[in-house]
């Protein structure tokens, strides 16, 4: 028969095993209780939400983050500036024609058509990219000058302003990594370099008229030929 000491030892072992099982069940119940799960779920959700970054504008296949509002506004304004430049050149053409400078009149008319063509290129590109374009009213261009030199100096200021405007569009495109717009603008930047250089040269020749009589008429003839052959400044 079992001895009293052995009976007590067996009883103690059974109690320890029972206590261990009860503690294990309690821990598992607490771990999978609804309140604990909800708390954990909230932490996971909050952590996940913090790691998600929403783009400021819809993505585009030609831009990493989509065109910014600044780019859209400047692009739309550039269309207006190109149409305005066309009107300014047309006004200069009319003045030269009325002043019997037929070659310069033809030159300015060709430039007017080219600037209008630039505006339409912007519109065409915008339509391909789904860039919203809203046509704006145009300011009345200057129509009265005192001399051919005054006209050409105003034309140079017009081109310089257009250069600055195009650079602002490019900067906005660069900031939002819209490489398609940057590529589209590149030819216009080069045209501006050529235009400003050509007009500066013309102004220097016009200013020399007082020193070299007849030079202005010769220049008028040359510009008329250039307008007929090339369509103006390239």
C-alpha atoms as a PDB file:
ATOM      1  CA  UNK A   1       0.000   0.000   0.000  1.00  0.00           C
ATOM      2  CA  UNK A   2       1.129   3.630  -0.708  1.00  0.00           C
ATOM      3  CA  UNK A   3       2.774   5.379   2.196  1.00  0.00           C
ATOM      4  CA  UNK A   4       1.328   8.681   3.526  1.00  0.00           C
ATOM      5  CA  UNK A   5       4.391  10.605   2.294  1.00  0.00           C
ATOM      6  CA  UNK A   6       3.969   9.264  -1.229  1.00  0.00           C
ATOM      7  CA  UNK A   7       0.252  10.126  -1.210  1.00  0.00           C
ATOM      8  CA  UNK A   8       1.018  13.742  -0.249  1.00  0.00           C
ATOM      9  CA  UNK A   9       3.654  14.084  -2.981  1.00  0.00           C
ATOM     10  CA  UNK A  10       1.262  12.827  -5.638  1.00  0.00           C
ATOM     11  CA  UNK A  11      -1.417  15.232  -4.439  1.00  0.00           C
ATOM     12  CA  UNK A  12       0.997  18.182  -4.611  1.00  0.00           C
ATOM     13  CA  UNK A  13       2.012  17.330  -8.177  1.00  0.00           C
ATOM     14  CA  UNK A  14      -1.644  17.144  -9.278  1.00  0.00           C
ATOM     15  CA  UNK A  15      -2.379  20.558  -7.742  1.00  0.00           C
ATOM     16  CA  UNK A  16       0.645  22.138  -9.481  1.00  0.00           C
ATOM     17  CA  UNK A  17      -0.406  20.716 -12.833  1.00  0.00           C
ATOM     18  CA  UNK A  18      -3.953  22.012 -12.361  1.00  0.00           C
ATOM     19  CA  UNK A  19      -2.693  25.478 -11.427  1.00  0.00           C
ATOM     20  CA  UNK A  20      -0.426  25.588 -14.506  1.00  0.00           C
ATOM     21  CA  UNK A  21      -3.269  24.632 -16.827  1.00  0.00           C
ATOM     22  CA  UNK A  22      -5.560  27.271 -15.303  1.00  0.00           C
ATOM     23  CA  UNK A  23      -2.925  29.991 -15.696  1.00  0.00           C
ATOM     24  CA  UNK A  24      -2.262  28.971 -19.323  1.00  0.00           C
ATOM     25  CA  UNK A  25      -5.952  29.081 -20.201  1.00  0.00           C
ATOM     26  CA  UNK A  26      -6.319  32.504 -18.574  1.00  0.00           C
ATOM     27  CA  UNK A  27      -3.392  33.917 -20.545  1.00  0.00           C
ATOM     28  CA  UNK A  28      -4.691  32.569 -23.852  1.00  0.00           C
ATOM     29  CA  UNK A  29      -8.164  33.928 -23.152  1.00  0.00           C
ATOM     30  CA  UNK A  30      -6.759  37.382 -22.453  1.00  0.00           C
ATOM     31  CA  UNK A  31      -4.600  37.299 -25.578  1.00  0.00           C
ATOM     32  CA  UNK A  32      -7.526  36.533 -27.899  1.00  0.00           C
ATOM     33  CA  UNK A  33     -10.181  38.584 -26.134  1.00  0.00           C
ATOM     34  CA  UNK A  34     -12.109  41.115 -28.319  1.00  0.00           C
ATOM     35  CA  UNK A  35     -10.817  44.122 -26.374  1.00  0.00           C
ATOM     36  CA  UNK A  36      -7.182  43.115 -26.811  1.00  0.00           C
ATOM     37  CA  UNK A  37      -7.681  42.405 -30.519  1.00  0.00           C
ATOM     38  CA  UNK A  38      -9.342  45.772 -31.084  1.00  0.00           C
ATOM     39  CA  UNK A  39      -6.523  47.626 -29.327  1.00  0.00           C
ATOM     40  CA  UNK A  40      -3.898  45.808 -31.356  1.00  0.00           C
ATOM     41  CA  UNK A  41      -5.864  46.378 -34.551  1.00  0.00           C
ATOM     42  CA  UNK A  42      -6.010  50.102 -33.855  1.00  0.00           C
ATOM     43  CA  UNK A  43      -2.247  50.288 -33.427  1.00  0.00           C
ATOM     44  CA  UNK A  44      -1.638  48.408 -36.683  1.00  0.00           C
ATOM     45  CA  UNK A  45      -4.123  50.576 -38.564  1.00  0.00           C
ATOM     46  CA  UNK A  46      -2.632  53.779 -37.215  1.00  0.00           C
ATOM     47  CA  UNK A  47       0.870  52.658 -38.096  1.00  0.00           C
ATOM     48  CA  UNK A  48      -0.180  51.698 -41.608  1.00  0.00           C
ATOM     49  CA  UNK A  49      -1.973  55.007 -42.162  1.00  0.00           C
ATOM     50  CA  UNK A  50       1.066  57.039 -41.173  1.00  0.00           C
ATOM     51  CA  UNK A  51       3.196  55.290 -43.790  1.00  0.00           C
ATOM     52  CA  UNK A  52       0.863  56.046 -46.712  1.00  0.00           C
ATOM     53  CA  UNK A  53       1.602  59.233 -48.646  1.00  0.00           C
ATOM     54  CA  UNK A  54      -1.039  60.686 -50.934  1.00  0.00           C
ATOM     55  CA  UNK A  55       0.178  62.601 -54.005  1.00  0.00           C
ATOM     56  CA  UNK A  56      -0.774  66.280 -54.141  1.00  0.00           C
ATOM     57  CA  UNK A  57      -2.140  65.896 -57.670  1.00  0.00           C
ATOM     58  CA  UNK A  58      -3.215  63.012 -59.909  1.00  0.00           C
ATOM     59  CA  UNK A  59      -0.294  61.050 -61.356  1.00  0.00           C
ATOM     60  CA  UNK A  60       0.430  61.313 -65.060  1.00  0.00           C
ATOM     61  CA  UNK A  61       2.160  58.885 -67.430  1.00  0.00           C
ATOM     62  CA  UNK A  62       4.533  61.768 -68.305  1.00  0.00           C
ATOM     63  CA  UNK A  63       5.151  63.052 -64.770  1.00  0.00           C
ATOM     64  CA  UNK A  64       6.166  61.322 -61.549  1.00  0.00           C
ATOM     65  CA  UNK A  65       3.757  63.289 -59.357  1.00  0.00           C
ATOM     66  CA  UNK A  66       1.381  64.977 -61.824  1.00  0.00           C
ATOM     67  CA  UNK A  67       1.368  68.611 -63.036  1.00  0.00           C
ATOM     68  CA  UNK A  68       1.178  71.178 -60.247  1.00  0.00           C
ATOM     69  CA  UNK A  69      -1.420  73.916 -60.150  1.00  0.00           C
ATOM     70  CA  UNK A  70       1.375  76.424 -60.689  1.00  0.00           C
ATOM     71  CA  UNK A  71       2.409  74.661 -63.893  1.00  0.00           C
ATOM     72  CA  UNK A  72      -1.168  74.494 -65.172  1.00  0.00           C
ATOM     73  CA  UNK A  73      -1.640  78.232 -64.564  1.00  0.00           C
ATOM     74  CA  UNK A  74       1.662  79.258 -66.165  1.00  0.00           C
ATOM     75  CA  UNK A  75       1.107  76.975 -69.159  1.00  0.00           C
ATOM     76  CA  UNK A  76      -2.310  78.533 -69.735  1.00  0.00           C
ATOM     77  CA  UNK A  77      -0.845  82.031 -69.386  1.00  0.00           C
ATOM     78  CA  UNK A  78       1.830  81.205 -71.951  1.00  0.00           C
ATOM     79  CA  UNK A  79      -0.846  80.541 -74.553  1.00  0.00           C
ATOM     80  CA  UNK A  80      -2.150  84.057 -73.929  1.00  0.00           C
ATOM     81  CA  UNK A  81       1.354  85.533 -74.167  1.00  0.00           C
ATOM     82  CA  UNK A  82       1.966  83.854 -77.535  1.00  0.00           C
ATOM     83  CA  UNK A  83      -1.298  85.216 -78.957  1.00  0.00           C
ATOM     84  CA  UNK A  84      -0.466  88.649 -77.515  1.00  0.00           C
ATOM     85  CA  UNK A  85       2.963  88.558 -79.164  1.00  0.00           C
ATOM     86  CA  UNK A  86       1.270  87.747 -82.462  1.00  0.00           C
ATOM     87  CA  UNK A  87      -0.965  90.808 -82.074  1.00  0.00           C
ATOM     88  CA  UNK A  88       2.023  93.004 -81.203  1.00  0.00           C
ATOM     89  CA  UNK A  89       3.961  91.916 -84.281  1.00  0.00           C
ATOM     90  CA  UNK A  90       0.878  92.494 -86.424  1.00  0.00           C
ATOM     91  CA  UNK A  91       0.536  96.017 -85.048  1.00  0.00           C
ATOM     92  CA  UNK A  92       4.213  96.666 -85.827  1.00  0.00           C
ATOM     93  CA  UNK A  93       3.691  95.326 -89.339  1.00  0.00           C
ATOM     94  CA  UNK A  94       0.824  97.756 -89.907  1.00  0.00           C
ATOM     95  CA  UNK A  95       2.936 100.674 -88.648  1.00  0.00           C
ATOM     96  CA  UNK A  96       5.864  99.788 -90.905  1.00  0.00           C
ATOM     97  CA  UNK A  97       3.563  99.381 -93.888  1.00  0.00           C
ATOM     98  CA  UNK A  98       1.956 102.777 -93.281  1.00  0.00           C
ATOM     99  CA  UNK A  99       5.441 104.270 -92.973  1.00  0.00           C
ATOM    100  CA  UNK A 100       6.559 102.798 -96.324  1.00  0.00           C
ATOM    101  CA  UNK A 101       8.934 100.249 -94.857  1.00  0.00           C
ATOM    102  CA  UNK A 102       7.597  97.335 -96.853  1.00  0.00           C
ATOM    103  CA  UNK A 103      10.387  94.899 -96.057  1.00  0.00           C
ATOM    104  CA  UNK A 104      10.080  95.360 -92.302  1.00  0.00           C
ATOM    105  CA  UNK A 105       6.290  95.201 -92.613  1.00  0.00           C
ATOM    106  CA  UNK A 106       6.578  91.797 -94.300  1.00  0.00           C
ATOM    107  CA  UNK A 107       9.075  90.659 -91.691  1.00  0.00           C
ATOM    108  CA  UNK A 108       6.773  91.616 -88.813  1.00  0.00           C
ATOM    109  CA  UNK A 109       3.798  89.980 -90.492  1.00  0.00           C
ATOM    110  CA  UNK A 110       5.727  86.716 -90.834  1.00  0.00           C
ATOM    111  CA  UNK A 111       6.652  86.945 -87.152  1.00  0.00           C
ATOM    112  CA  UNK A 112       3.022  87.534 -86.219  1.00  0.00           C
ATOM    113  CA  UNK A 113       2.026  84.343 -87.995  1.00  0.00           C
ATOM    114  CA  UNK A 114       4.861  82.449 -86.302  1.00  0.00           C
ATOM    115  CA  UNK A 115       3.833  83.596 -82.817  1.00  0.00           C
ATOM    116  CA  UNK A 116       0.260  82.540 -83.509  1.00  0.00           C
ATOM    117  CA  UNK A 117       1.638  79.183 -84.605  1.00  0.00           C
ATOM    118  CA  UNK A 118       3.460  78.905 -81.283  1.00  0.00           C
ATOM    119  CA  UNK A 119       0.228  79.515 -79.392  1.00  0.00           C
ATOM    120  CA  UNK A 120      -1.514  76.775 -81.376  1.00  0.00           C
ATOM    121  CA  UNK A 121       1.362  74.397 -80.635  1.00  0.00           C
ATOM    122  CA  UNK A 122       0.800  74.987 -76.924  1.00  0.00           C
ATOM    123  CA  UNK A 123      -2.914  74.353 -77.353  1.00  0.00           C
ATOM    124  CA  UNK A 124      -2.286  71.141 -79.300  1.00  0.00           C
ATOM    125  CA  UNK A 125       0.150  69.858 -76.674  1.00  0.00           C
ATOM    126  CA  UNK A 126      -2.260  70.773 -73.877  1.00  0.00           C
ATOM    127  CA  UNK A 127      -5.065  68.841 -75.561  1.00  0.00           C
ATOM    128  CA  UNK A 128      -2.856  65.751 -75.854  1.00  0.00           C
ATOM    129  CA  UNK A 129      -1.941  65.972 -72.167  1.00  0.00           C
ATOM    130  CA  UNK A 130      -5.443  66.916 -70.986  1.00  0.00           C
ATOM    131  CA  UNK A 131      -4.110  70.219 -69.643  1.00  0.00           C
ATOM    132  CA  UNK A 132      -7.096  72.574 -69.273  1.00  0.00           C
ATOM    133  CA  UNK A 133      -6.844  75.658 -71.482  1.00  0.00           C
ATOM    134  CA  UNK A 134      -9.037  78.718 -71.037  1.00  0.00           C
ATOM    135  CA  UNK A 135      -8.577  81.452 -73.625  1.00  0.00           C
ATOM    136  CA  UNK A 136      -8.155  84.910 -72.140  1.00  0.00           C
ATOM    137  CA  UNK A 137      -8.681  88.409 -73.458  1.00  0.00           C
ATOM    138  CA  UNK A 138      -5.734  90.134 -75.156  1.00  0.00           C
ATOM    139  CA  UNK A 139      -4.466  93.616 -74.367  1.00  0.00           C
ATOM    140  CA  UNK A 140      -4.551  96.161 -77.176  1.00  0.00           C
ATOM    141  CA  UNK A 141      -0.976  96.359 -78.527  1.00  0.00           C
ATOM    142  CA  UNK A 142       0.975  99.548 -79.056  1.00  0.00           C
ATOM    143  CA  UNK A 143       0.266 101.045 -82.475  1.00  0.00           C
ATOM    144  CA  UNK A 144       2.165 104.354 -82.532  1.00  0.00           C
ATOM    145  CA  UNK A 145       5.942 104.818 -82.656  1.00  0.00           C
ATOM    146  CA  UNK A 146       8.232 107.710 -83.540  1.00  0.00           C
ATOM    147  CA  UNK A 147      10.834 105.757 -85.509  1.00  0.00           C
ATOM    148  CA  UNK A 148      11.756 102.272 -86.755  1.00  0.00           C
ATOM    149  CA  UNK A 149      14.327 102.021 -83.977  1.00  0.00           C
ATOM    150  CA  UNK A 150      11.587 102.525 -81.353  1.00  0.00           C
ATOM    151  CA  UNK A 151       9.611  99.672 -82.884  1.00  0.00           C
ATOM    152  CA  UNK A 152      12.561  97.302 -82.813  1.00  0.00           C
ATOM    153  CA  UNK A 153      13.439  98.168 -79.215  1.00  0.00           C
ATOM    154  CA  UNK A 154       9.872  97.387 -78.148  1.00  0.00           C
ATOM    155  CA  UNK A 155      10.080  94.111 -80.067  1.00  0.00           C
ATOM    156  CA  UNK A 156      13.255  93.205 -78.167  1.00  0.00           C
ATOM    157  CA  UNK A 157      11.531  93.880 -74.839  1.00  0.00           C
ATOM    158  CA  UNK A 158       8.617  91.738 -75.993  1.00  0.00           C
ATOM    159  CA  UNK A 159      10.933  88.819 -76.749  1.00  0.00           C
ATOM    160  CA  UNK A 160      12.802  89.207 -73.464  1.00  0.00           C
ATOM    161  CA  UNK A 161       9.525  89.096 -71.552  1.00  0.00           C
ATOM    162  CA  UNK A 162       8.513  85.986 -73.487  1.00  0.00           C
ATOM    163  CA  UNK A 163      11.852  84.355 -72.667  1.00  0.00           C
ATOM    164  CA  UNK A 164      11.304  84.967 -68.947  1.00  0.00           C
ATOM    165  CA  UNK A 165       7.771  83.597 -69.164  1.00  0.00           C
ATOM    166  CA  UNK A 166       8.932  80.393 -70.854  1.00  0.00           C
ATOM    167  CA  UNK A 167      11.610  79.935 -68.188  1.00  0.00           C
ATOM    168  CA  UNK A 168       8.976  80.207 -65.451  1.00  0.00           C
ATOM    169  CA  UNK A 169       6.921  77.491 -67.142  1.00  0.00           C
ATOM    170  CA  UNK A 170      10.032  75.306 -67.380  1.00  0.00           C
ATOM    171  CA  UNK A 171      10.880  75.871 -63.703  1.00  0.00           C
ATOM    172  CA  UNK A 172       7.371  74.859 -62.652  1.00  0.00           C
ATOM    173  CA  UNK A 173       7.583  71.741 -64.834  1.00  0.00           C
ATOM    174  CA  UNK A 174      10.968  70.874 -63.355  1.00  0.00           C
ATOM    175  CA  UNK A 175       9.683  71.194 -59.791  1.00  0.00           C
ATOM    176  CA  UNK A 176       6.908  68.653 -60.371  1.00  0.00           C
ATOM    177  CA  UNK A 177       9.156  66.490 -62.582  1.00  0.00           C
ATOM    178  CA  UNK A 178       6.972  66.837 -65.675  1.00  0.00           C
ATOM    179  CA  UNK A 179       9.602  65.840 -68.221  1.00  0.00           C
ATOM    180  CA  UNK A 180       7.207  65.863 -71.180  1.00  0.00           C
ATOM    181  CA  UNK A 181       6.548  69.575 -70.707  1.00  0.00           C
ATOM    182  CA  UNK A 182      10.288  70.223 -70.347  1.00  0.00           C
ATOM    183  CA  UNK A 183      10.973  68.405 -73.616  1.00  0.00           C
ATOM    184  CA  UNK A 184       8.177  70.318 -75.343  1.00  0.00           C
ATOM    185  CA  UNK A 185       9.641  73.656 -74.199  1.00  0.00           C
ATOM    186  CA  UNK A 186      13.234  73.028 -75.335  1.00  0.00           C
ATOM    187  CA  UNK A 187      12.787  74.177 -78.974  1.00  0.00           C
ATOM    188  CA  UNK A 188      11.109  77.379 -77.768  1.00  0.00           C
ATOM    189  CA  UNK A 189      14.069  78.191 -75.513  1.00  0.00           C
ATOM    190  CA  UNK A 190      16.438  77.910 -78.464  1.00  0.00           C
ATOM    191  CA  UNK A 191      14.178  80.059 -80.636  1.00  0.00           C
ATOM    192  CA  UNK A 192      14.264  82.753 -77.968  1.00  0.00           C
ATOM    193  CA  UNK A 193      18.060  82.716 -77.937  1.00  0.00           C
ATOM    194  CA  UNK A 194      18.109  83.194 -81.715  1.00  0.00           C
ATOM    195  CA  UNK A 195      15.349  85.812 -81.684  1.00  0.00           C
ATOM    196  CA  UNK A 196      16.984  88.041 -79.084  1.00  0.00           C
ATOM    197  CA  UNK A 197      20.352  87.788 -80.839  1.00  0.00           C
ATOM    198  CA  UNK A 198      18.874  88.632 -84.257  1.00  0.00           C
ATOM    199  CA  UNK A 199      16.832  91.582 -83.005  1.00  0.00           C
ATOM    200  CA  UNK A 200      19.816  93.002 -81.092  1.00  0.00           C
ATOM    201  CA  UNK A 201      21.820  92.895 -84.324  1.00  0.00           C
ATOM    202  CA  UNK A 202      19.015  94.617 -86.243  1.00  0.00           C
ATOM    203  CA  UNK A 203      18.794  97.360 -83.614  1.00  0.00           C
ATOM    204  CA  UNK A 204      22.537  97.999 -83.926  1.00  0.00           C
ATOM    205  CA  UNK A 205      22.153  98.393 -87.702  1.00  0.00           C
ATOM    206  CA  UNK A 206      19.108 100.640 -87.364  1.00  0.00           C
ATOM    207  CA  UNK A 207      20.973 102.839 -84.871  1.00  0.00           C
ATOM    208  CA  UNK A 208      23.794 103.263 -87.395  1.00  0.00           C
ATOM    209  CA  UNK A 209      21.474 104.862 -89.956  1.00  0.00           C
ATOM    210  CA  UNK A 210      22.588 108.359 -88.915  1.00  0.00           C
ATOM    211  CA  UNK A 211      26.214 107.389 -89.522  1.00  0.00           C
ATOM    212  CA  UNK A 212      25.586 105.496 -92.733  1.00  0.00           C
ATOM    213  CA  UNK A 213      22.751 107.026 -94.825  1.00  0.00           C
ATOM    214  CA  UNK A 214      20.881 104.443 -96.872  1.00  0.00           C
ATOM    215  CA  UNK A 215      21.711 101.583 -94.479  1.00  0.00           C
ATOM    216  CA  UNK A 216      18.132 101.443 -93.188  1.00  0.00           C
ATOM    217  CA  UNK A 217      16.705 101.050 -96.679  1.00  0.00           C
ATOM    218  CA  UNK A 218      19.184  98.288 -97.394  1.00  0.00           C
ATOM    219  CA  UNK A 219      18.207  96.580 -94.158  1.00  0.00           C
ATOM    220  CA  UNK A 220      14.530  96.966 -95.041  1.00  0.00           C
ATOM    221  CA  UNK A 221      15.170  95.236 -98.363  1.00  0.00           C
ATOM    222  CA  UNK A 222      17.118  92.390 -96.724  1.00  0.00           C
ATOM    223  CA  UNK A 223      14.458  91.770 -94.072  1.00  0.00           C
ATOM    224  CA  UNK A 224      11.777  91.679 -96.757  1.00  0.00           C
ATOM    225  CA  UNK A 225      13.714  88.990 -98.612  1.00  0.00           C
ATOM    226  CA  UNK A 226      14.268  87.029 -95.407  1.00  0.00           C
ATOM    227  CA  UNK A 227      10.593  87.191 -94.561  1.00  0.00           C
ATOM    228  CA  UNK A 228       9.704  85.772 -97.949  1.00  0.00           C
ATOM    229  CA  UNK A 229      12.283  82.997 -97.788  1.00  0.00           C
ATOM    230  CA  UNK A 230      12.197  81.927 -94.140  1.00  0.00           C
ATOM    231  CA  UNK A 231       9.081  83.400 -92.607  1.00  0.00           C
ATOM    232  CA  UNK A 232      10.797  85.655 -90.069  1.00  0.00           C
ATOM    233  CA  UNK A 233      13.053  85.074 -87.114  1.00  0.00           C
ATOM    234  CA  UNK A 234      14.012  81.465 -86.426  1.00  0.00           C
END
